[in-house]
Amino acid sequence: MKTKLDLPDPSLPPARRIEAKLDAVLAEMGSVRKELARLTRTMQARRRQHRIEVVQVTESWEPRHDYLADWNQVADERGFRRVLELSPRRRAWLREREGERTWDWPALVAAARVVEREWTDGFRGWGFDWISCSQENYLRVLEGRYQAKKGGRNTWIDD
């Protein structure tokens, strides 16, 4: 929202010109504040709507696997963070993942059992949410990118 500020009359005394310019700037700030408030309300309404849609989509969905039990068993074995419940957001992620042909939860659980500890210690976000929130993340785990390499140190190669 770019507007042109009118310059005060050059015949006015300097103090009055500064005052007139300040009034114009304040008026412009008022319109910017109103626009910001409108955009904030719109964004909040969209967030509320998204939350409602997530809940509606996941209410009738039943997972194919016992994600909590499987993950928490691995978490206990390996020292990862446990998952307490499948929140609406997690249910939405898992529902989306189950619709993808490459999603293989048993293979992911097996891969999580052998993931190199160096990866999970160095990256605080590694865990159930990180794996399930995106196709790219779980594919990296399935491809073995976080397992120890033969003959030395881990190196992760981004394609």
N, C-alpha and C. Protein backbone atom coordinates (compact mmCIF):
# COMPACT_ATOMS: atom_id res chain seq x y z
N MET A 1 0.86 -1.16 0.00
CA MET A 1 0.00 0.00 0.00
C MET A 1 0.90 1.22 0.00
N LYS A 2 1.20 1.76 -1.15
CA LYS A 2 2.11 2.88 -1.28
C LYS A 2 1.31 4.10 -1.72
N THR A 3 1.43 5.16 -0.95
CA THR A 3 0.75 6.39 -1.33
C THR A 3 1.75 7.52 -1.32
N LYS A 4 1.42 8.56 -2.04
CA LYS A 4 2.30 9.72 -2.13
C LYS A 4 1.86 10.73 -1.08
N LEU A 5 2.80 11.14 -0.26
CA LEU A 5 2.51 12.15 0.74
C LEU A 5 2.57 13.53 0.08
N ASP A 6 1.57 14.33 0.33
CA ASP A 6 1.59 15.69 -0.20
C ASP A 6 2.59 16.52 0.59
N LEU A 7 3.42 17.25 -0.14
CA LEU A 7 4.39 18.12 0.53
C LEU A 7 3.69 19.40 0.97
N PRO A 8 4.03 19.89 2.16
CA PRO A 8 3.41 21.13 2.63
C PRO A 8 3.78 22.32 1.75
N ASP A 9 2.94 23.30 1.82
CA ASP A 9 3.14 24.55 1.07
C ASP A 9 4.49 25.16 1.46
N PRO A 10 5.38 25.41 0.48
CA PRO A 10 6.70 25.97 0.79
C PRO A 10 6.64 27.39 1.38
N SER A 11 5.51 28.06 1.24
CA SER A 11 5.41 29.42 1.78
C SER A 11 5.18 29.42 3.30
N LEU A 12 4.84 28.25 3.87
CA LEU A 12 4.63 28.17 5.31
C LEU A 12 5.96 28.25 6.06
N PRO A 13 5.93 28.71 7.28
CA PRO A 13 7.16 28.73 8.08
C PRO A 13 7.66 27.29 8.29
N PRO A 14 8.96 27.11 8.49
CA PRO A 14 9.53 25.76 8.61
C PRO A 14 8.83 24.90 9.67
N ALA A 15 8.54 25.47 10.82
CA ALA A 15 7.90 24.70 11.89
C ALA A 15 6.53 24.20 11.43
N ARG A 16 5.78 25.03 10.75
CA ARG A 16 4.45 24.67 10.27
C ARG A 16 4.53 23.60 9.18
N ARG A 17 5.57 23.70 8.31
CA ARG A 17 5.77 22.68 7.26
C ARG A 17 6.06 21.32 7.89
N ILE A 18 6.90 21.31 8.93
CA ILE A 18 7.22 20.06 9.62
C ILE A 18 5.97 19.49 10.27
N GLU A 19 5.19 20.36 10.87
CA GLU A 19 3.94 19.92 11.51
C GLU A 19 2.98 19.34 10.47
N ALA A 20 2.86 19.99 9.32
CA ALA A 20 1.97 19.51 8.27
C ALA A 20 2.44 18.16 7.73
N LYS A 21 3.76 18.01 7.58
CA LYS A 21 4.29 16.75 7.08
C LYS A 21 4.07 15.64 8.11
N LEU A 22 4.25 15.96 9.38
CA LEU A 22 4.02 15.00 10.45
C LEU A 22 2.56 14.56 10.47
N ASP A 23 1.65 15.50 10.28
CA ASP A 23 0.22 15.15 10.23
C ASP A 23 -0.06 14.18 9.08
N ALA A 24 0.57 14.43 7.93
CA ALA A 24 0.37 13.56 6.77
C ALA A 24 0.92 12.16 7.05
N VAL A 25 2.09 12.08 7.69
CA VAL A 25 2.70 10.78 8.01
C VAL A 25 1.82 10.02 9.01
N LEU A 26 1.32 10.72 10.03
CA LEU A 26 0.46 10.08 11.02
C LEU A 26 -0.83 9.56 10.39
N ALA A 27 -1.38 10.34 9.46
CA ALA A 27 -2.59 9.89 8.76
C ALA A 27 -2.30 8.62 7.95
N GLU A 28 -1.14 8.60 7.30
CA GLU A 28 -0.74 7.42 6.53
C GLU A 28 -0.54 6.23 7.45
N MET A 29 0.07 6.44 8.62
CA MET A 29 0.28 5.35 9.59
C MET A 29 -1.06 4.79 10.05
N GLY A 30 -2.04 5.67 10.21
CA GLY A 30 -3.37 5.21 10.62
C GLY A 30 -3.96 4.25 9.61
N SER A 31 -3.81 4.57 8.33
CA SER A 31 -4.36 3.69 7.30
C SER A 31 -3.57 2.38 7.23
N VAL A 32 -2.27 2.44 7.48
CA VAL A 32 -1.45 1.22 7.50
C VAL A 32 -1.87 0.35 8.68
N ARG A 33 -2.12 0.96 9.84
CA ARG A 33 -2.57 0.20 11.01
C ARG A 33 -3.91 -0.48 10.75
N LYS A 34 -4.81 0.23 10.08
CA LYS A 34 -6.11 -0.36 9.77
C LYS A 34 -5.94 -1.56 8.84
N GLU A 35 -5.09 -1.41 7.84
CA GLU A 35 -4.84 -2.51 6.90
C GLU A 35 -4.20 -3.70 7.62
N LEU A 36 -3.26 -3.42 8.51
CA LEU A 36 -2.62 -4.49 9.28
C LEU A 36 -3.64 -5.20 10.17
N ALA A 37 -4.51 -4.46 10.80
CA ALA A 37 -5.55 -5.05 11.64
C ALA A 37 -6.48 -5.93 10.80
N ARG A 38 -6.84 -5.47 9.60
CA ARG A 38 -7.70 -6.25 8.71
C ARG A 38 -7.02 -7.55 8.30
N LEU A 39 -5.75 -7.46 7.93
CA LEU A 39 -5.01 -8.66 7.53
C LEU A 39 -4.85 -9.64 8.70
N THR A 40 -4.64 -9.11 9.89
CA THR A 40 -4.52 -9.97 11.08
C THR A 40 -5.83 -10.71 11.34
N ARG A 41 -6.94 -10.01 11.24
CA ARG A 41 -8.25 -10.66 11.44
C ARG A 41 -8.48 -11.75 10.39
N THR A 42 -8.11 -11.47 9.14
CA THR A 42 -8.27 -12.45 8.06
C THR A 42 -7.42 -13.68 8.34
N MET A 43 -6.17 -13.47 8.74
CA MET A 43 -5.27 -14.58 9.02
C MET A 43 -5.79 -15.42 10.19
N GLN A 44 -6.29 -14.77 11.24
CA GLN A 44 -6.82 -15.51 12.39
C GLN A 44 -8.05 -16.32 12.00
N ALA A 45 -8.89 -15.74 11.15
CA ALA A 45 -10.09 -16.46 10.69
C ALA A 45 -9.69 -17.68 9.87
N ARG A 46 -8.68 -17.53 9.02
CA ARG A 46 -8.22 -18.67 8.22
C ARG A 46 -7.63 -19.76 9.10
N ARG A 47 -6.88 -19.37 10.13
CA ARG A 47 -6.33 -20.37 11.05
C ARG A 47 -7.44 -21.12 11.77
N ARG A 48 -8.45 -20.39 12.23
CA ARG A 48 -9.58 -21.05 12.90
C ARG A 48 -10.27 -22.03 11.95
N GLN A 49 -10.46 -21.61 10.71
CA GLN A 49 -11.11 -22.47 9.72
C GLN A 49 -10.27 -23.71 9.46
N HIS A 50 -8.95 -23.54 9.36
CA HIS A 50 -8.06 -24.69 9.12
C HIS A 50 -8.16 -25.68 10.28
N ARG A 51 -8.17 -25.18 11.51
CA ARG A 51 -8.29 -26.07 12.67
C ARG A 51 -9.60 -26.85 12.62
N ILE A 52 -10.67 -26.18 12.24
CA ILE A 52 -11.97 -26.84 12.13
C ILE A 52 -11.91 -27.92 11.06
N GLU A 53 -11.31 -27.62 9.90
CA GLU A 53 -11.21 -28.58 8.82
C GLU A 53 -10.38 -29.79 9.23
N VAL A 54 -9.27 -29.57 9.95
CA VAL A 54 -8.43 -30.68 10.40
C VAL A 54 -9.23 -31.60 11.30
N VAL A 55 -9.97 -31.03 12.23
CA VAL A 55 -10.77 -31.84 13.15
C VAL A 55 -11.85 -32.59 12.40
N GLN A 56 -12.53 -31.94 11.47
CA GLN A 56 -13.59 -32.59 10.72
C GLN A 56 -13.05 -33.74 9.87
N VAL A 57 -11.92 -33.54 9.26
CA VAL A 57 -11.33 -34.55 8.39
C VAL A 57 -10.89 -35.76 9.19
N THR A 58 -10.35 -35.55 10.39
CA THR A 58 -9.76 -36.65 11.14
C THR A 58 -10.71 -37.33 12.11
N GLU A 59 -11.90 -36.80 12.33
CA GLU A 59 -12.82 -37.40 13.29
C GLU A 59 -13.23 -38.82 12.88
N SER A 60 -13.53 -39.05 11.63
CA SER A 60 -14.04 -40.34 11.20
C SER A 60 -12.93 -41.29 10.76
N TRP A 61 -11.70 -40.86 10.72
CA TRP A 61 -10.58 -41.67 10.23
C TRP A 61 -10.05 -42.58 11.33
N GLU A 62 -9.83 -43.83 10.97
CA GLU A 62 -9.21 -44.79 11.88
C GLU A 62 -7.87 -45.21 11.29
N PRO A 63 -6.79 -45.05 12.06
CA PRO A 63 -5.46 -45.42 11.53
C PRO A 63 -5.34 -46.91 11.25
N ARG A 64 -4.50 -47.24 10.27
CA ARG A 64 -4.27 -48.64 9.90
C ARG A 64 -3.34 -49.35 10.89
N HIS A 65 -2.51 -48.59 11.58
CA HIS A 65 -1.52 -49.16 12.50
C HIS A 65 -1.71 -48.57 13.88
N ASP A 66 -1.15 -49.22 14.87
CA ASP A 66 -1.13 -48.67 16.22
C ASP A 66 0.13 -47.82 16.35
N TYR A 67 0.05 -46.61 15.81
CA TYR A 67 1.22 -45.73 15.73
C TYR A 67 1.83 -45.44 17.10
N LEU A 68 0.99 -45.19 18.08
CA LEU A 68 1.50 -44.85 19.42
C LEU A 68 2.29 -46.01 20.02
N ALA A 69 1.72 -47.19 20.01
CA ALA A 69 2.40 -48.34 20.60
C ALA A 69 3.70 -48.65 19.87
N ASP A 70 3.65 -48.65 18.55
CA ASP A 70 4.86 -48.94 17.77
C ASP A 70 5.96 -47.93 18.05
N TRP A 71 5.59 -46.64 17.97
CA TRP A 71 6.62 -45.60 18.16
C TRP A 71 7.15 -45.60 19.60
N ASN A 72 6.27 -45.73 20.56
CA ASN A 72 6.72 -45.67 21.95
C ASN A 72 7.61 -46.86 22.32
N GLN A 73 7.40 -47.99 21.67
CA GLN A 73 8.28 -49.14 21.90
C GLN A 73 9.70 -48.81 21.40
N VAL A 74 9.79 -48.23 20.20
CA VAL A 74 11.10 -47.82 19.66
C VAL A 74 11.69 -46.71 20.52
N ALA A 75 10.85 -45.77 20.94
CA ALA A 75 11.32 -44.65 21.76
C ALA A 75 11.93 -45.16 23.06
N ASP A 76 11.31 -46.15 23.67
CA ASP A 76 11.85 -46.71 24.90
C ASP A 76 13.16 -47.43 24.66
N GLU A 77 13.24 -48.15 23.55
CA GLU A 77 14.47 -48.89 23.22
C GLU A 77 15.63 -47.95 22.92
N ARG A 78 15.34 -46.87 22.18
CA ARG A 78 16.41 -46.01 21.68
C ARG A 78 16.57 -44.69 22.42
N GLY A 79 15.66 -44.38 23.31
CA GLY A 79 15.77 -43.13 24.06
C GLY A 79 15.20 -41.92 23.33
N PHE A 80 14.29 -42.15 22.38
CA PHE A 80 13.62 -41.05 21.69
C PHE A 80 12.49 -40.53 22.56
N ARG A 81 11.93 -39.40 22.15
CA ARG A 81 10.76 -38.86 22.85
C ARG A 81 9.54 -39.72 22.56
N ARG A 82 8.77 -40.00 23.61
CA ARG A 82 7.54 -40.78 23.47
C ARG A 82 6.42 -39.88 22.92
N VAL A 83 5.42 -40.49 22.35
CA VAL A 83 4.24 -39.79 21.85
C VAL A 83 3.07 -40.13 22.78
N LEU A 84 2.43 -39.12 23.32
CA LEU A 84 1.34 -39.35 24.28
C LEU A 84 0.00 -39.60 23.62
N GLU A 85 -0.28 -38.89 22.51
CA GLU A 85 -1.56 -39.08 21.84
C GLU A 85 -1.46 -38.61 20.40
N LEU A 86 -2.43 -39.04 19.60
CA LEU A 86 -2.52 -38.58 18.22
C LEU A 86 -3.43 -37.35 18.20
N SER A 87 -2.82 -36.18 18.21
CA SER A 87 -3.57 -34.93 18.18
C SER A 87 -4.24 -34.79 16.81
N PRO A 88 -5.16 -33.85 16.67
CA PRO A 88 -5.79 -33.65 15.35
C PRO A 88 -4.77 -33.39 14.24
N ARG A 89 -3.73 -32.64 14.55
CA ARG A 89 -2.72 -32.37 13.53
C ARG A 89 -1.96 -33.64 13.16
N ARG A 90 -1.59 -34.43 14.15
CA ARG A 90 -0.89 -35.70 13.86
C ARG A 90 -1.80 -36.64 13.08
N ARG A 91 -3.07 -36.70 13.46
CA ARG A 91 -4.01 -37.56 12.73
C ARG A 91 -4.12 -37.11 11.27
N ALA A 92 -4.13 -35.81 11.04
CA ALA A 92 -4.20 -35.30 9.66
C ALA A 92 -2.95 -35.70 8.88
N TRP A 93 -1.79 -35.57 9.51
CA TRP A 93 -0.53 -35.97 8.84
C TRP A 93 -0.57 -37.45 8.49
N LEU A 94 -0.95 -38.28 9.47
CA LEU A 94 -0.94 -39.72 9.25
C LEU A 94 -1.97 -40.13 8.21
N ARG A 95 -3.10 -39.49 8.23
CA ARG A 95 -4.12 -39.79 7.21
C ARG A 95 -3.58 -39.48 5.82
N GLU A 96 -2.89 -38.34 5.71
CA GLU A 96 -2.29 -37.97 4.43
C GLU A 96 -1.21 -38.96 4.03
N ARG A 97 -0.36 -39.36 4.98
CA ARG A 97 0.72 -40.31 4.69
C ARG A 97 0.14 -41.66 4.24
N GLU A 98 -0.93 -42.12 4.89
CA GLU A 98 -1.50 -43.42 4.53
C GLU A 98 -2.05 -43.42 3.10
N GLY A 99 -2.34 -42.26 2.56
CA GLY A 99 -2.81 -42.17 1.19
C GLY A 99 -1.68 -42.19 0.16
N GLU A 100 -0.44 -42.14 0.62
CA GLU A 100 0.72 -42.14 -0.29
C GLU A 100 1.21 -43.57 -0.47
N ARG A 101 1.54 -43.93 -1.69
CA ARG A 101 1.92 -45.32 -1.97
C ARG A 101 3.26 -45.69 -1.34
N THR A 102 4.11 -44.72 -1.04
CA THR A 102 5.43 -45.02 -0.48
C THR A 102 5.43 -45.13 1.05
N TRP A 103 4.30 -44.83 1.69
CA TRP A 103 4.22 -44.88 3.16
C TRP A 103 4.28 -46.34 3.61
N ASP A 104 5.26 -46.64 4.45
CA ASP A 104 5.42 -48.01 4.95
C ASP A 104 5.80 -47.92 6.42
N TRP A 105 4.78 -47.88 7.29
CA TRP A 105 5.02 -47.68 8.72
C TRP A 105 5.89 -48.79 9.33
N PRO A 106 5.64 -50.08 9.05
CA PRO A 106 6.51 -51.10 9.64
C PRO A 106 7.98 -50.92 9.25
N ALA A 107 8.23 -50.54 8.00
CA ALA A 107 9.62 -50.31 7.57
C ALA A 107 10.21 -49.08 8.27
N LEU A 108 9.39 -48.06 8.50
CA LEU A 108 9.88 -46.88 9.22
C LEU A 108 10.24 -47.21 10.67
N VAL A 109 9.42 -48.03 11.29
CA VAL A 109 9.71 -48.45 12.67
C VAL A 109 11.02 -49.23 12.70
N ALA A 110 11.20 -50.13 11.74
CA ALA A 110 12.44 -50.91 11.67
C ALA A 110 13.64 -49.99 11.42
N ALA A 111 13.47 -49.00 10.55
CA ALA A 111 14.57 -48.07 10.27
C ALA A 111 14.89 -47.22 11.49
N ALA A 112 13.88 -46.84 12.24
CA ALA A 112 14.11 -46.03 13.44
C ALA A 112 14.89 -46.82 14.49
N ARG A 113 14.74 -48.13 14.47
CA ARG A 113 15.48 -48.96 15.43
C ARG A 113 16.98 -48.97 15.15
N VAL A 114 17.36 -48.77 13.90
CA VAL A 114 18.78 -48.84 13.55
C VAL A 114 19.37 -47.49 13.15
N VAL A 115 18.61 -46.42 13.31
CA VAL A 115 19.13 -45.11 12.92
C VAL A 115 20.36 -44.79 13.77
N GLU A 116 21.32 -44.18 13.16
CA GLU A 116 22.56 -43.82 13.85
C GLU A 116 22.26 -42.78 14.92
N ARG A 117 22.72 -43.02 16.13
CA ARG A 117 22.42 -42.14 17.28
C ARG A 117 22.93 -40.71 17.03
N GLU A 118 23.98 -40.57 16.26
CA GLU A 118 24.54 -39.25 15.96
C GLU A 118 23.50 -38.33 15.32
N TRP A 119 22.62 -38.89 14.49
CA TRP A 119 21.61 -38.08 13.82
C TRP A 119 20.55 -37.59 14.79
N THR A 120 20.10 -38.47 15.67
CA THR A 120 19.01 -38.10 16.56
C THR A 120 19.48 -37.18 17.68
N ASP A 121 20.73 -37.31 18.11
CA ASP A 121 21.25 -36.43 19.15
C ASP A 121 21.51 -35.03 18.62
N GLY A 122 21.98 -34.94 17.38
CA GLY A 122 22.35 -33.65 16.81
C GLY A 122 21.18 -32.85 16.28
N PHE A 123 20.03 -33.48 16.14
CA PHE A 123 18.87 -32.81 15.55
C PHE A 123 17.69 -32.97 16.49
N ARG A 124 17.36 -31.93 17.22
CA ARG A 124 16.31 -32.00 18.25
C ARG A 124 14.95 -32.35 17.69
N GLY A 125 14.69 -32.03 16.43
CA GLY A 125 13.37 -32.26 15.87
C GLY A 125 13.14 -33.69 15.39
N TRP A 126 14.19 -34.52 15.39
CA TRP A 126 14.05 -35.88 14.88
C TRP A 126 13.12 -36.65 15.79
N GLY A 127 12.12 -37.27 15.20
CA GLY A 127 11.20 -38.06 15.99
C GLY A 127 9.92 -38.32 15.22
N PHE A 128 8.88 -38.70 15.95
CA PHE A 128 7.61 -39.08 15.35
C PHE A 128 7.03 -37.96 14.47
N ASP A 129 6.98 -36.75 15.00
CA ASP A 129 6.39 -35.64 14.24
C ASP A 129 7.20 -35.34 12.98
N TRP A 130 8.52 -35.33 13.11
CA TRP A 130 9.37 -35.02 11.96
C TRP A 130 9.19 -36.07 10.87
N ILE A 131 9.11 -37.33 11.26
CA ILE A 131 8.96 -38.41 10.28
C ILE A 131 7.60 -38.33 9.60
N SER A 132 6.55 -38.10 10.38
CA SER A 132 5.20 -38.21 9.83
C SER A 132 4.69 -36.93 9.16
N CYS A 133 5.35 -35.80 9.38
CA CYS A 133 4.79 -34.54 8.85
C CYS A 133 5.04 -34.34 7.36
N SER A 134 6.02 -35.03 6.79
CA SER A 134 6.29 -34.78 5.38
C SER A 134 6.79 -36.04 4.67
N GLN A 135 6.40 -36.16 3.43
CA GLN A 135 6.82 -37.31 2.62
C GLN A 135 8.33 -37.32 2.46
N GLU A 136 8.92 -36.16 2.27
CA GLU A 136 10.36 -36.08 2.09
C GLU A 136 11.12 -36.64 3.29
N ASN A 137 10.65 -36.33 4.49
CA ASN A 137 11.35 -36.78 5.69
C ASN A 137 11.30 -38.30 5.84
N TYR A 138 10.11 -38.88 5.70
CA TYR A 138 10.05 -40.33 5.92
C TYR A 138 10.76 -41.09 4.80
N LEU A 139 10.77 -40.55 3.59
CA LEU A 139 11.50 -41.21 2.51
C LEU A 139 13.00 -41.24 2.81
N ARG A 140 13.52 -40.17 3.40
CA ARG A 140 14.94 -40.16 3.77
C ARG A 140 15.26 -41.26 4.77
N VAL A 141 14.36 -41.46 5.72
CA VAL A 141 14.57 -42.52 6.70
C VAL A 141 14.52 -43.88 6.02
N LEU A 142 13.52 -44.10 5.16
CA LEU A 142 13.39 -45.38 4.46
C LEU A 142 14.59 -45.65 3.55
N GLU A 143 15.16 -44.60 2.99
CA GLU A 143 16.31 -44.76 2.10
C GLU A 143 17.60 -45.06 2.86
N GLY A 144 17.54 -44.99 4.18
CA GLY A 144 18.71 -45.32 4.98
C GLY A 144 19.71 -44.19 5.12
N ARG A 145 19.28 -42.99 4.89
CA ARG A 145 20.21 -41.86 4.94
C ARG A 145 20.68 -41.52 6.34
N TYR A 146 20.05 -42.07 7.35
CA TYR A 146 20.44 -41.76 8.73
C TYR A 146 21.05 -42.97 9.42
N GLN A 147 21.48 -43.96 8.62
CA GLN A 147 22.13 -45.13 9.18
C GLN A 147 23.63 -45.00 8.98
N ALA A 148 24.36 -45.73 9.78
CA ALA A 148 25.83 -45.67 9.71
C ALA A 148 26.31 -46.14 8.34
N LYS A 149 27.27 -45.44 7.81
CA LYS A 149 27.87 -45.82 6.54
C LYS A 149 28.99 -46.83 6.80
N LYS A 150 29.24 -47.69 5.83
CA LYS A 150 30.32 -48.66 5.98
C LYS A 150 31.66 -47.95 6.04
N GLY A 151 32.45 -48.33 7.01
CA GLY A 151 33.83 -47.84 7.07
C GLY A 151 33.98 -46.41 7.54
N GLY A 152 33.03 -45.87 8.28
CA GLY A 152 33.33 -44.54 8.80
C GLY A 152 32.14 -43.71 9.16
N ARG A 153 32.42 -42.45 9.18
CA ARG A 153 31.49 -41.45 9.66
C ARG A 153 30.28 -41.29 8.76
N ASN A 154 29.16 -40.90 9.36
CA ASN A 154 27.95 -40.65 8.59
C ASN A 154 28.12 -39.41 7.73
N THR A 155 27.60 -39.48 6.56
CA THR A 155 27.49 -38.29 5.72
C THR A 155 26.12 -38.36 5.06
N TRP A 156 25.39 -37.30 5.17
CA TRP A 156 24.08 -37.26 4.55
C TRP A 156 24.21 -36.49 3.26
N ILE A 157 23.77 -37.08 2.17
CA ILE A 157 23.90 -36.46 0.85
C ILE A 157 22.52 -36.04 0.39
N ASP A 158 22.37 -34.76 0.09
CA ASP A 158 21.09 -34.24 -0.40
C ASP A 158 21.09 -34.32 -1.92
N ASP A 159 20.06 -34.94 -2.45
CA ASP A 159 19.96 -35.05 -3.93
C ASP A 159 19.61 -33.72 -4.53
